[in-house]
Amino acid sequence: MFDALQERLSGALDGLRGRGRLDAGAVDAVLSDIRLALLEADVNLAVVRGVVERLRERLVGADVAPGLDPRQHVVRAVDAELRAALGGEHVALDLAGRAPAVIVLAGLQGAGKTTVAGKLAKHLASKGRRPVLVACDLQRPAAVEQLRIVAAGAGVPVHAPVTEGDPVPVAREAIRGATLAGHDTVIIDTAGRLHVDEELLRQARAIVDVAHELGGTARTLFVIDAMVGQEAAAVARSFADVVGLDGVILSKLDGDARGGAALSVREVTGAPILFASIGERVEDLEAFHPDRMASRILGMGDMLTLIERAEQAQDLETARDAEQALLDGTFGLDDLLEQLQAVKRMGPLSGVIGMLPGMAKGGAPDVDDRQLVRTEAIIRSMTPAERRDPKVLNGRRRRRIAAGSGTSVPEINRLVKQFEQMQQLMRQAAGAAGRGKGGKGKGGKGGKGRKGAQRAAMQAQAAAFGGLAGPGAGPGAAPAVRPGLGGFAGLSAPAPAPTPAPSRRTDPPAGAGR
């Protein structure tokens, strides 16, 4: 997501390293690079011109803020402009008012409306609402059946009485019957087209009129493919002019999105971006935060979203147990297995690591989600005693575990070595977090100190996981962790332990005697 834009902006800003002052020539050079980076990301031309002109006004003739070098000064200005282009402040979906609230999803064919309908229903159900999906896409073959499957995956009911005909009566019937059926939210999936045409806009307008006539709070949300680029601006403007938009949902943001849609649609339509679809699972719908997205684009990470995902993936009691084991020095492979499963629930590992400050595409270790599956198989092939104390793993035990997990002895050696290094990293993180909360006097239950410890532990854990993947890693290869991991002062990878001298009493190596 935004990898190309991130790299281009980083390259443009790196040209300011080592400069003692910010003169007009340096400003022109960096603005030229930023303009090219935005155009290559397929951002709308008018938006690019506006961003560059506002940056020029901010930077030309301005004094560098005390304590900042020229590069940091420009980064701060670019961050502010990206936030503004993305919408400024987070805007939540407002469904307050008389029930049933009606949400009409509009957009082009292939934008992902049907899938987003299921994700939005799942999201609202998790917030305590009682949604129902309504099949009003009676143009596309099998669209109604697809919505039924999506609804079943989301665990919500669906109203789909017909598979062809006029969708307006279907919407009217669903809204009228929603309250009697116990639903307080109606989500209508409308038909799309391969391009904007009058029939599409007329049909969408008629359904929106019915929603306003019969429903309580009515919201029209435009679903747009994040991979479309600046063409998204023209499409969204057409819908906004005829249908009227209350918000935008970005779909397929986990793909090879260049960022043009996200940076264009808000400024062109004036409608806020409310949600972003970030994966294929029905749970993969996030509230959109412009400040966090701008931070990701500039490679500064997104710790708030990372913490929110961690809280959703693991309940508080389990997190406290893991933290206590971490502080007590009793964190074992069983605890690691629980953490692996929690991390898998947080989404693709590359995306999780990419949220850490300093771990953008250029700085992140090579990771492979399939390696987590192999690691789980190795741990599950151990006995409870071996999980508690991996030091008992001799050659015979390691060969047994390798055979049981379908892996090799070198992979067992590498896991044990990296687990020991991860334990050292997590002790450093816990110690640093403990020192940080000591001076405030509020590091008790539920205080900021606890969040700091969980955050630091997550950073150390993610860094250690990064070392589990990567072709050619030897049995003793250290995780690919950079000094000062994630901006957490004092947290760095421990030096590899020296190889112990061979003992007189050892098991024969694997394959001996063959």
Protein backbone atom coordinates (compact mmCIF):
# COMPACT_ATOMS: atom_id res chain seq x y z
CA MET A 1 0.00 0.00 0.00
CA PHE A 2 1.49 3.32 -1.16
CA ASP A 3 4.93 1.70 -1.38
CA ALA A 4 5.95 3.56 -4.55
CA LEU A 5 4.74 6.93 -3.19
CA GLN A 6 6.49 6.25 0.10
CA GLU A 7 9.78 5.50 -1.62
CA ARG A 8 9.57 8.55 -3.90
CA LEU A 9 8.77 10.93 -1.04
CA SER A 10 11.52 9.43 1.08
CA GLY A 11 14.00 9.91 -1.75
CA ALA A 12 12.90 13.53 -2.22
CA LEU A 13 13.27 14.33 1.48
CA ASP A 14 16.60 12.51 1.81
CA GLY A 15 18.09 15.09 -0.52
CA LEU A 16 17.89 17.56 2.36
CA ARG A 17 20.08 15.53 4.70
CA GLY A 18 23.18 17.38 5.84
CA ARG A 19 21.91 20.83 4.84
CA GLY A 20 22.44 23.55 7.38
CA ARG A 21 19.70 25.84 6.03
CA LEU A 22 16.71 25.77 3.73
CA ASP A 23 17.23 28.17 0.81
CA ALA A 24 14.97 28.83 -2.19
CA GLY A 25 16.94 26.49 -4.45
CA ALA A 26 16.60 23.59 -2.01
CA VAL A 27 12.87 24.23 -1.64
CA ASP A 28 12.34 24.27 -5.42
CA ALA A 29 14.30 21.03 -5.82
CA VAL A 30 12.40 19.14 -3.12
CA LEU A 31 9.01 20.46 -4.30
CA SER A 32 9.80 19.31 -7.84
CA ASP A 33 10.54 15.81 -6.52
CA ILE A 34 7.38 15.81 -4.37
CA ARG A 35 5.28 16.91 -7.37
CA LEU A 36 6.73 14.08 -9.47
CA ALA A 37 6.11 11.57 -6.66
CA LEU A 38 2.45 12.57 -6.40
CA LEU A 39 1.91 12.48 -10.16
CA GLU A 40 3.50 9.02 -10.37
CA ALA A 41 1.08 7.93 -7.64
CA ASP A 42 -1.72 8.99 -10.04
CA VAL A 43 -2.99 11.78 -7.82
CA ASN A 44 -5.40 14.21 -9.50
CA LEU A 45 -3.46 17.03 -11.20
CA ALA A 46 -5.47 19.81 -9.55
CA VAL A 47 -4.83 18.24 -6.14
CA VAL A 48 -1.10 18.00 -6.86
CA ARG A 49 -0.95 21.67 -7.85
CA GLY A 50 -2.77 22.69 -4.69
CA VAL A 51 -0.53 20.63 -2.41
CA VAL A 52 2.68 21.92 -4.02
CA GLU A 53 1.55 25.56 -3.92
CA ARG A 54 0.58 25.34 -0.26
CA LEU A 55 3.92 23.71 0.54
CA ARG A 56 5.72 26.50 -1.30
CA GLU A 57 3.88 29.09 0.79
CA ARG A 58 4.81 27.23 3.98
CA LEU A 59 8.48 26.72 3.15
CA VAL A 60 9.76 29.64 1.08
CA GLY A 61 11.13 32.32 3.38
CA ALA A 62 10.06 30.46 6.53
CA ASP A 63 12.46 30.01 9.41
CA VAL A 64 13.29 26.46 10.40
CA ALA A 65 11.68 25.69 13.78
CA PRO A 66 14.14 25.50 16.70
CA GLY A 67 15.45 22.01 17.28
CA LEU A 68 14.68 20.85 13.74
CA ASP A 69 16.98 20.45 10.78
CA PRO A 70 15.77 21.42 7.27
CA ARG A 71 14.68 17.87 6.43
CA GLN A 72 12.58 17.56 9.60
CA HIS A 73 11.06 20.97 8.92
CA VAL A 74 9.98 19.90 5.41
CA VAL A 75 8.71 16.52 6.68
CA ARG A 76 6.47 18.32 9.16
CA ALA A 77 5.08 20.55 6.40
CA VAL A 78 4.50 17.59 4.02
CA ASP A 79 2.81 15.64 6.82
CA ALA A 80 0.41 18.55 7.44
CA GLU A 81 -0.46 18.81 3.73
CA LEU A 82 -1.01 15.06 3.36
CA ARG A 83 -3.33 15.11 6.34
CA ALA A 84 -5.28 17.98 4.83
CA ALA A 85 -5.54 16.23 1.45
CA LEU A 86 -6.79 13.06 3.15
CA GLY A 87 -9.43 14.93 5.12
CA GLY A 88 -7.74 16.46 8.15
CA GLU A 89 -9.61 14.95 11.10
CA HIS A 90 -11.17 11.51 11.44
CA VAL A 91 -14.91 11.54 10.66
CA ALA A 92 -17.09 8.78 12.09
CA LEU A 93 -20.19 7.37 10.41
CA ASP A 94 -23.12 9.13 12.09
CA LEU A 95 -26.27 6.99 12.24
CA ALA A 96 -27.95 8.79 15.13
CA GLY A 97 -31.65 9.45 14.72
CA ARG A 98 -34.86 7.56 14.05
CA ALA A 99 -34.56 3.88 13.12
CA PRO A 100 -34.03 2.31 10.76
CA ALA A 101 -30.86 4.01 9.57
CA VAL A 102 -30.35 3.38 5.85
CA ILE A 103 -26.95 3.14 4.18
CA VAL A 104 -26.89 3.13 0.38
CA LEU A 105 -23.65 1.85 -1.17
CA ALA A 106 -22.95 3.26 -4.63
CA GLY A 107 -20.07 2.95 -7.06
CA LEU A 108 -18.80 1.40 -10.26
CA GLN A 109 -18.88 -2.29 -11.06
CA GLY A 110 -15.84 -4.07 -9.69
CA ALA A 111 -15.22 -1.52 -6.92
CA GLY A 112 -16.08 -4.14 -4.29
CA LYS A 113 -19.48 -2.87 -3.10
CA THR A 114 -20.92 -6.29 -2.31
CA THR A 115 -17.88 -7.36 -0.28
CA VAL A 116 -17.76 -4.00 1.49
CA ALA A 117 -21.47 -4.36 2.33
CA GLY A 118 -20.71 -7.54 4.28
CA LYS A 119 -17.69 -5.98 5.99
CA LEU A 120 -19.65 -2.88 6.96
CA ALA A 121 -22.48 -5.04 8.35
CA LYS A 122 -19.97 -7.04 10.39
CA HIS A 123 -18.37 -3.83 11.67
CA LEU A 124 -21.71 -2.29 12.70
CA ALA A 125 -22.85 -5.54 14.33
CA SER A 126 -19.67 -5.48 16.45
CA LYS A 127 -20.72 -2.00 17.61
CA GLY A 128 -24.09 -3.27 18.84
CA ARG A 129 -26.28 -2.48 15.83
CA ARG A 130 -28.62 -4.97 14.13
CA PRO A 131 -28.01 -4.64 10.37
CA VAL A 132 -29.69 -6.33 7.42
CA LEU A 133 -28.27 -6.47 3.90
CA VAL A 134 -30.54 -5.71 0.94
CA ALA A 135 -29.82 -7.02 -2.56
CA CYS A 136 -30.59 -4.20 -5.01
CA ASP A 137 -27.94 -5.15 -7.58
CA LEU A 138 -30.29 -6.87 -10.01
CA GLN A 139 -28.11 -6.22 -13.06
CA ARG A 140 -24.96 -8.27 -12.54
CA PRO A 141 -25.31 -12.07 -12.89
CA ALA A 142 -25.08 -13.90 -9.54
CA ALA A 143 -24.80 -10.61 -7.60
CA VAL A 144 -27.69 -11.62 -5.31
CA GLU A 145 -26.16 -15.02 -4.64
CA GLN A 146 -22.82 -13.38 -3.88
CA LEU A 147 -24.48 -11.09 -1.33
CA ARG A 148 -26.12 -14.11 0.32
CA ILE A 149 -22.70 -15.77 0.67
CA VAL A 150 -21.13 -12.58 2.01
CA ALA A 151 -23.99 -12.15 4.50
CA ALA A 152 -23.56 -15.71 5.74
CA GLY A 153 -19.84 -15.07 6.28
CA ALA A 154 -20.60 -11.89 8.21
CA GLY A 155 -23.33 -13.58 10.24
CA VAL A 156 -26.04 -11.08 9.29
CA PRO A 157 -29.45 -11.57 7.59
CA VAL A 158 -30.09 -10.63 3.99
CA HIS A 159 -33.23 -9.44 2.20
CA ALA A 160 -33.11 -10.79 -1.37
CA PRO A 161 -36.62 -11.62 -2.62
CA VAL A 162 -35.84 -11.41 -6.37
CA THR A 163 -32.82 -11.76 -8.66
CA GLU A 164 -33.96 -9.46 -11.48
CA GLY A 165 -36.25 -6.54 -12.16
CA ASP A 166 -36.60 -3.08 -10.63
CA PRO A 167 -34.53 -2.64 -7.43
CA VAL A 168 -36.52 0.35 -6.12
CA PRO A 169 -39.51 -1.73 -4.85
CA VAL A 170 -37.05 -4.14 -3.20
CA ALA A 171 -35.43 -1.26 -1.30
CA ARG A 172 -38.85 0.14 -0.32
CA GLU A 173 -40.07 -3.24 0.99
CA ALA A 174 -36.85 -3.84 2.95
CA ILE A 175 -36.92 -0.42 4.68
CA ARG A 176 -40.60 -0.73 5.60
CA GLY A 177 -40.13 -4.20 7.08
CA ALA A 178 -36.82 -3.56 8.85
CA THR A 179 -38.24 -2.30 12.16
CA LEU A 180 -40.81 -5.10 12.38
CA ALA A 181 -38.02 -7.62 11.78
CA GLY A 182 -35.91 -6.12 14.56
CA HIS A 183 -33.29 -4.38 12.40
CA ASP A 184 -32.10 -0.86 13.13
CA THR A 185 -29.75 -0.55 10.12
CA VAL A 186 -30.46 -1.29 6.45
CA ILE A 187 -27.45 -1.61 4.11
CA ILE A 188 -28.43 -1.49 0.43
CA ASP A 189 -26.08 -2.96 -2.18
CA THR A 190 -26.82 -1.18 -5.48
CA ALA A 191 -25.89 -2.03 -9.06
CA GLY A 192 -22.73 -0.77 -10.68
CA ARG A 193 -21.59 -0.17 -14.24
CA LEU A 194 -18.29 -0.39 -16.04
CA HIS A 195 -18.48 3.38 -16.43
CA VAL A 196 -20.70 6.24 -15.26
CA ASP A 197 -23.92 6.55 -17.26
CA GLU A 198 -27.29 8.25 -16.83
CA GLU A 199 -29.17 5.03 -16.09
CA LEU A 200 -26.80 4.14 -13.26
CA LEU A 201 -27.09 7.59 -11.70
CA ARG A 202 -30.90 7.67 -12.09
CA GLN A 203 -31.33 4.29 -10.43
CA ALA A 204 -29.01 5.22 -7.56
CA ARG A 205 -30.84 8.52 -7.09
CA ALA A 206 -34.23 6.73 -6.94
CA ILE A 207 -32.99 4.32 -4.24
CA VAL A 208 -31.53 7.21 -2.22
CA ASP A 209 -34.87 9.06 -2.46
CA VAL A 210 -36.68 6.01 -1.10
CA ALA A 211 -34.16 5.79 1.76
CA HIS A 212 -34.79 9.42 2.71
CA GLU A 213 -38.55 9.01 2.35
CA LEU A 214 -39.06 5.85 4.43
CA GLY A 215 -35.99 5.51 6.60
CA GLY A 216 -34.66 7.46 9.55
CA THR A 217 -31.09 8.61 9.10
CA ALA A 218 -30.05 8.03 5.47
CA ARG A 219 -26.42 7.97 4.34
CA THR A 220 -25.05 7.49 0.83
CA LEU A 221 -21.53 6.04 0.81
CA PHE A 222 -19.43 5.83 -2.33
CA VAL A 223 -17.25 2.72 -2.61
CA ILE A 224 -14.16 3.40 -4.68
CA ASP A 225 -11.33 1.11 -5.74
CA ALA A 226 -8.09 2.47 -4.26
CA MET A 227 -6.22 1.15 -7.30
CA VAL A 228 -8.14 3.31 -9.79
CA GLY A 229 -6.03 6.43 -9.30
CA GLN A 230 -7.09 9.93 -10.36
CA GLU A 231 -9.92 8.54 -12.51
CA ALA A 232 -11.58 7.99 -9.14
CA ALA A 233 -11.96 11.75 -8.78
CA ALA A 234 -14.03 12.10 -11.98
CA VAL A 235 -16.22 9.13 -11.05
CA ALA A 236 -16.80 10.37 -7.52
CA ARG A 237 -17.61 13.89 -8.75
CA SER A 238 -20.31 12.51 -11.08
CA PHE A 239 -21.98 10.65 -8.22
CA ALA A 240 -21.63 13.61 -5.84
CA ASP A 241 -23.28 16.00 -8.31
CA VAL A 242 -26.30 13.78 -9.07
CA VAL A 243 -26.75 11.44 -6.10
CA GLY A 244 -25.04 13.33 -3.29
CA LEU A 245 -22.42 11.67 -1.09
CA ASP A 246 -22.11 11.54 2.71
CA GLY A 247 -18.85 9.63 2.77
CA VAL A 248 -16.38 7.43 0.92
CA ILE A 249 -15.13 3.88 1.54
CA LEU A 250 -11.79 2.93 0.01
CA SER A 251 -11.66 -0.72 -1.08
CA LYS A 252 -8.65 -2.89 -1.95
CA LEU A 253 -6.27 -0.69 0.02
CA ASP A 254 -4.20 -3.80 0.75
CA GLY A 255 -3.39 -4.24 -2.95
CA ASP A 256 -0.89 -2.45 -5.15
CA ALA A 257 -2.57 0.89 -4.55
CA ARG A 258 -0.54 3.88 -5.65
CA GLY A 259 -2.52 6.24 -3.44
CA GLY A 260 -4.08 8.41 -6.15
CA ALA A 261 -7.69 7.68 -5.13
CA ALA A 262 -7.14 8.31 -1.43
CA LEU A 263 -5.33 11.59 -2.02
CA SER A 264 -7.77 12.80 -4.70
CA VAL A 265 -11.31 11.86 -3.73
CA ARG A 266 -11.56 13.90 -0.51
CA GLU A 267 -10.45 17.19 -2.04
CA VAL A 268 -12.44 16.76 -5.24
CA THR A 269 -15.79 15.71 -3.70
CA GLY A 270 -15.60 17.21 -0.22
CA ALA A 271 -16.95 13.93 1.19
CA PRO A 272 -14.88 12.46 4.04
CA ILE A 273 -13.24 9.04 3.78
CA LEU A 274 -14.94 6.99 6.50
CA PHE A 275 -13.56 3.48 6.09
CA ALA A 276 -10.80 1.56 4.33
CA SER A 277 -10.94 -2.10 3.34
CA ILE A 278 -7.51 -3.52 4.17
CA GLY A 279 -7.81 -7.25 3.47
CA GLU A 280 -9.92 -10.12 2.21
CA ARG A 281 -11.42 -11.21 5.54
CA VAL A 282 -14.85 -9.95 6.56
CA GLU A 283 -13.24 -8.29 9.60
CA ASP A 284 -10.79 -6.30 7.46
CA LEU A 285 -12.55 -2.95 7.52
CA GLU A 286 -10.94 -0.08 9.42
CA ALA A 287 -12.06 3.41 10.32
CA PHE A 288 -10.02 5.82 8.21
CA HIS A 289 -7.72 8.21 10.08
CA PRO A 290 -6.05 10.83 7.83
CA ASP A 291 -3.25 11.56 10.31
CA ARG A 292 -2.33 7.89 10.63
CA MET A 293 -2.39 7.34 6.87
CA ALA A 294 -0.16 10.39 6.31
CA SER A 295 2.25 9.01 8.90
CA ARG A 296 2.38 5.66 7.07
CA ILE A 297 2.99 7.34 3.72
CA LEU A 298 5.95 9.24 5.20
CA GLY A 299 7.36 6.03 6.70
CA MET A 300 6.77 7.15 10.30
CA GLY A 301 4.64 4.16 11.23
CA ASP A 302 1.17 3.93 12.74
CA MET A 303 1.45 2.80 16.33
CA LEU A 304 -2.14 3.76 17.28
CA THR A 305 -3.65 1.43 14.67
CA LEU A 306 -1.15 -1.27 15.63
CA ILE A 307 -2.20 -1.02 19.29
CA GLU A 308 -5.90 -1.11 18.34
CA ARG A 309 -5.37 -4.23 16.25
CA ALA A 310 -3.42 -5.85 19.10
CA GLU A 311 -6.26 -5.11 21.53
CA GLN A 312 -8.80 -6.63 19.14
CA ALA A 313 -6.66 -9.71 18.48
CA GLN A 314 -6.06 -10.56 22.14
CA ASP A 315 -8.25 -10.11 25.20
CA LEU A 316 -6.98 -8.02 28.12
CA GLU A 317 -6.57 -10.95 30.53
CA THR A 318 -4.40 -12.92 28.10
CA ALA A 319 -2.32 -9.81 27.39
CA ARG A 320 -1.78 -9.26 31.11
CA ASP A 321 -0.70 -12.88 31.59
CA ALA A 322 1.78 -12.55 28.71
CA GLU A 323 3.10 -9.28 30.14
CA GLN A 324 3.53 -10.81 33.58
CA ALA A 325 5.38 -13.79 32.09
CA LEU A 326 7.56 -11.30 30.22
CA LEU A 327 8.37 -9.35 33.39
CA ASP A 328 8.92 -12.53 35.43
CA GLY A 329 11.27 -14.02 32.85
CA THR A 330 8.98 -17.06 32.44
CA PHE A 331 7.89 -16.28 28.87
CA GLY A 332 8.03 -19.66 27.12
CA LEU A 333 7.22 -21.22 23.78
CA ASP A 334 3.57 -21.72 24.83
CA ASP A 335 3.34 -17.95 25.32
CA LEU A 336 5.07 -17.44 21.97
CA LEU A 337 2.47 -19.70 20.32
CA GLU A 338 -0.34 -17.56 21.75
CA GLN A 339 1.38 -14.41 20.49
CA LEU A 340 1.86 -15.93 17.04
CA GLN A 341 -1.85 -16.66 16.80
CA ALA A 342 -2.68 -13.13 17.96
CA VAL A 343 -0.36 -11.63 15.36
CA LYS A 344 -1.98 -13.75 12.62
CA ARG A 345 -5.36 -12.31 13.64
CA MET A 346 -3.94 -8.80 13.19
CA GLY A 347 -3.54 -9.30 9.43
CA PRO A 348 -0.62 -9.89 7.05
CA LEU A 349 2.70 -9.79 8.88
CA SER A 350 4.28 -7.39 6.39
CA GLY A 351 1.48 -4.91 7.10
CA VAL A 352 1.89 -5.25 10.87
CA ILE A 353 5.64 -4.65 10.71
CA GLY A 354 5.12 -1.78 8.28
CA MET A 355 3.20 0.07 11.02
CA LEU A 356 6.32 0.25 13.18
CA PRO A 357 8.21 3.55 12.94
CA GLY A 358 11.30 3.13 10.80
CA MET A 359 10.03 -0.16 9.38
CA ALA A 360 8.75 1.07 6.03
CA LYS A 361 9.37 -0.97 2.91
CA GLY A 362 13.06 -0.11 2.73
CA GLY A 363 13.77 -0.89 6.37
CA ALA A 364 11.51 -3.83 7.13
CA PRO A 365 12.96 -7.35 7.34
CA ASP A 366 11.94 -9.94 4.77
CA VAL A 367 8.90 -11.69 6.22
CA ASP A 368 6.75 -14.58 5.08
CA ASP A 369 3.39 -15.40 6.68
CA ARG A 370 3.83 -19.06 5.73
CA GLN A 371 6.84 -19.24 8.03
CA LEU A 372 4.55 -18.57 10.99
CA VAL A 373 2.63 -21.73 10.09
CA ARG A 374 5.88 -23.75 10.11
CA THR A 375 6.85 -22.20 13.43
CA GLU A 376 3.48 -23.18 14.93
CA ALA A 377 3.96 -26.74 13.66
CA ILE A 378 7.39 -26.93 15.31
CA ILE A 379 6.10 -25.69 18.68
CA ARG A 380 3.06 -27.99 18.61
CA SER A 381 5.37 -30.96 17.98
CA MET A 382 7.14 -30.32 21.30
CA THR A 383 6.14 -31.77 24.67
CA PRO A 384 4.90 -29.38 27.41
CA ALA A 385 8.25 -29.74 29.19
CA GLU A 386 10.17 -28.86 26.03
CA ARG A 387 8.02 -25.77 25.48
CA ARG A 388 8.66 -24.60 29.03
CA ASP A 389 12.41 -25.11 28.80
CA PRO A 390 13.87 -25.36 25.28
CA LYS A 391 17.31 -25.97 26.80
CA VAL A 392 16.40 -29.66 27.23
CA LEU A 393 16.27 -30.08 23.44
CA ASN A 394 19.13 -32.39 22.57
CA GLY A 395 19.86 -33.86 19.17
CA ARG A 396 17.47 -36.78 19.49
CA ARG A 397 14.58 -34.58 20.58
CA ARG A 398 15.23 -32.12 17.76
CA ARG A 399 15.15 -34.91 15.17
CA ARG A 400 11.84 -36.11 16.59
CA ILE A 401 10.33 -32.61 16.47
CA ALA A 402 11.56 -32.10 12.90
CA ALA A 403 9.96 -35.37 11.80
CA GLY A 404 6.69 -34.54 13.57
CA SER A 405 6.41 -31.00 12.16
CA GLY A 406 7.59 -31.76 8.62
CA THR A 407 10.58 -29.45 9.00
CA SER A 408 14.32 -29.94 9.39
CA VAL A 409 16.74 -29.93 12.32
CA PRO A 410 18.37 -26.64 11.16
CA GLU A 411 14.94 -25.00 11.30
CA ILE A 412 14.51 -26.23 14.90
CA ASN A 413 17.96 -24.85 15.75
CA ARG A 414 17.11 -21.50 14.17
CA LEU A 415 13.80 -21.21 16.05
CA VAL A 416 15.39 -21.96 19.41
CA LYS A 417 18.22 -19.51 18.75
CA GLN A 418 15.85 -16.75 17.71
CA PHE A 419 13.53 -17.42 20.63
CA GLU A 420 16.43 -16.87 23.02
CA GLN A 421 17.29 -13.61 21.25
CA MET A 422 13.64 -12.53 21.33
CA GLN A 423 13.53 -13.13 25.08
CA GLN A 424 16.50 -10.79 25.50
CA LEU A 425 14.82 -8.13 23.32
CA MET A 426 11.57 -8.36 25.28
CA ARG A 427 13.42 -8.05 28.61
CA GLN A 428 15.06 -4.88 27.27
CA ALA A 429 11.68 -3.53 26.17
CA ALA A 430 9.99 -4.34 29.47
CA GLY A 431 12.85 -2.80 31.42
CA ALA A 432 12.82 0.37 29.35
CA ALA A 433 9.03 0.69 29.64
CA GLY A 434 9.24 0.13 33.39
CA ARG A 435 11.81 2.90 33.73
CA GLY A 436 9.66 5.18 31.60
CA LYS A 437 6.57 4.82 33.81
CA GLY A 438 8.43 5.06 37.07
CA GLY A 439 8.69 8.83 37.14
CA LYS A 440 4.99 9.59 36.59
CA GLY A 441 3.54 7.80 39.54
CA LYS A 442 0.71 6.50 37.36
CA GLY A 443 2.16 3.26 36.22
CA GLY A 444 -0.34 1.17 38.14
CA LYS A 445 -3.24 -0.80 36.82
CA GLY A 446 -4.40 0.24 33.41
CA GLY A 447 -2.08 3.27 33.28
CA LYS A 448 0.03 4.50 30.43
CA GLY A 449 2.91 2.37 31.66
CA ARG A 450 0.99 -0.77 30.81
CA LYS A 451 0.29 0.48 27.30
CA GLY A 452 3.97 1.36 26.93
CA ALA A 453 5.04 -2.13 28.00
CA GLN A 454 2.57 -3.79 25.64
CA ARG A 455 3.66 -1.52 22.80
CA ALA A 456 7.37 -2.15 23.35
CA ALA A 457 6.80 -5.90 23.69
CA MET A 458 4.86 -5.91 20.43
CA GLN A 459 7.71 -4.09 18.67
CA ALA A 460 10.30 -6.52 19.95
CA GLN A 461 8.09 -9.49 19.09
CA ALA A 462 7.46 -8.27 15.54
CA ALA A 463 11.18 -7.70 15.02
CA ALA A 464 11.98 -11.21 16.17
CA PHE A 465 9.29 -12.63 13.90
CA GLY A 466 10.98 -10.85 10.99
CA GLY A 467 14.03 -13.00 11.51
CA LEU A 468 11.99 -16.18 11.14
CA ALA A 469 11.71 -15.65 7.40
CA GLY A 470 14.17 -14.93 4.66
CA PRO A 471 15.91 -17.31 2.33
CA GLY A 472 19.39 -18.38 3.19
CA ALA A 473 19.15 -17.67 6.91
CA GLY A 474 21.47 -19.95 8.74
CA PRO A 475 20.70 -21.77 11.98
CA GLY A 476 22.24 -18.98 14.04
CA ALA A 477 21.11 -16.03 11.97
CA ALA A 478 20.00 -13.09 14.09
CA PRO A 479 16.70 -11.33 13.45
CA ALA A 480 16.94 -8.40 11.08
CA VAL A 481 16.52 -5.69 13.71
CA ARG A 482 17.90 -2.21 13.31
CA PRO A 483 19.38 -0.26 16.25
CA GLY A 484 16.82 1.86 18.03
CA LEU A 485 13.96 -0.34 16.85
CA GLY A 486 10.83 1.60 16.06
CA GLY A 487 12.13 4.76 17.70
CA PHE A 488 12.17 3.02 21.10
CA ALA A 489 15.36 4.30 22.67
CA GLY A 490 17.78 1.71 23.89
CA LEU A 491 16.05 -1.23 22.21
CA SER A 492 18.36 -3.09 19.87
CA ALA A 493 19.12 -6.62 18.84
CA PRO A 494 21.33 -8.54 21.27
CA ALA A 495 24.68 -9.66 19.99
CA PRO A 496 24.73 -13.30 18.94
CA ALA A 497 25.83 -15.52 21.80
CA PRO A 498 29.17 -17.26 21.33
CA THR A 499 28.95 -20.85 20.21
CA PRO A 500 29.54 -23.08 23.26
CA ALA A 501 32.39 -25.56 23.21
CA PRO A 502 31.22 -29.06 22.32
CA SER A 503 30.51 -31.27 25.31
CA ARG A 504 31.99 -34.71 25.75
CA ARG A 505 28.52 -36.22 26.17
CA THR A 506 26.35 -35.26 23.21
CA ASP A 507 23.91 -37.06 21.01
CA PRO A 508 25.22 -37.96 17.57
CA PRO A 509 24.37 -35.39 14.91
CA ALA A 510 21.42 -35.94 12.61
CA GLY A 511 22.28 -38.40 9.91
CA ALA A 512 25.27 -39.90 11.72
CA GLY A 513 25.91 -43.56 11.04
CA ARG A 514 24.03 -43.49 7.75
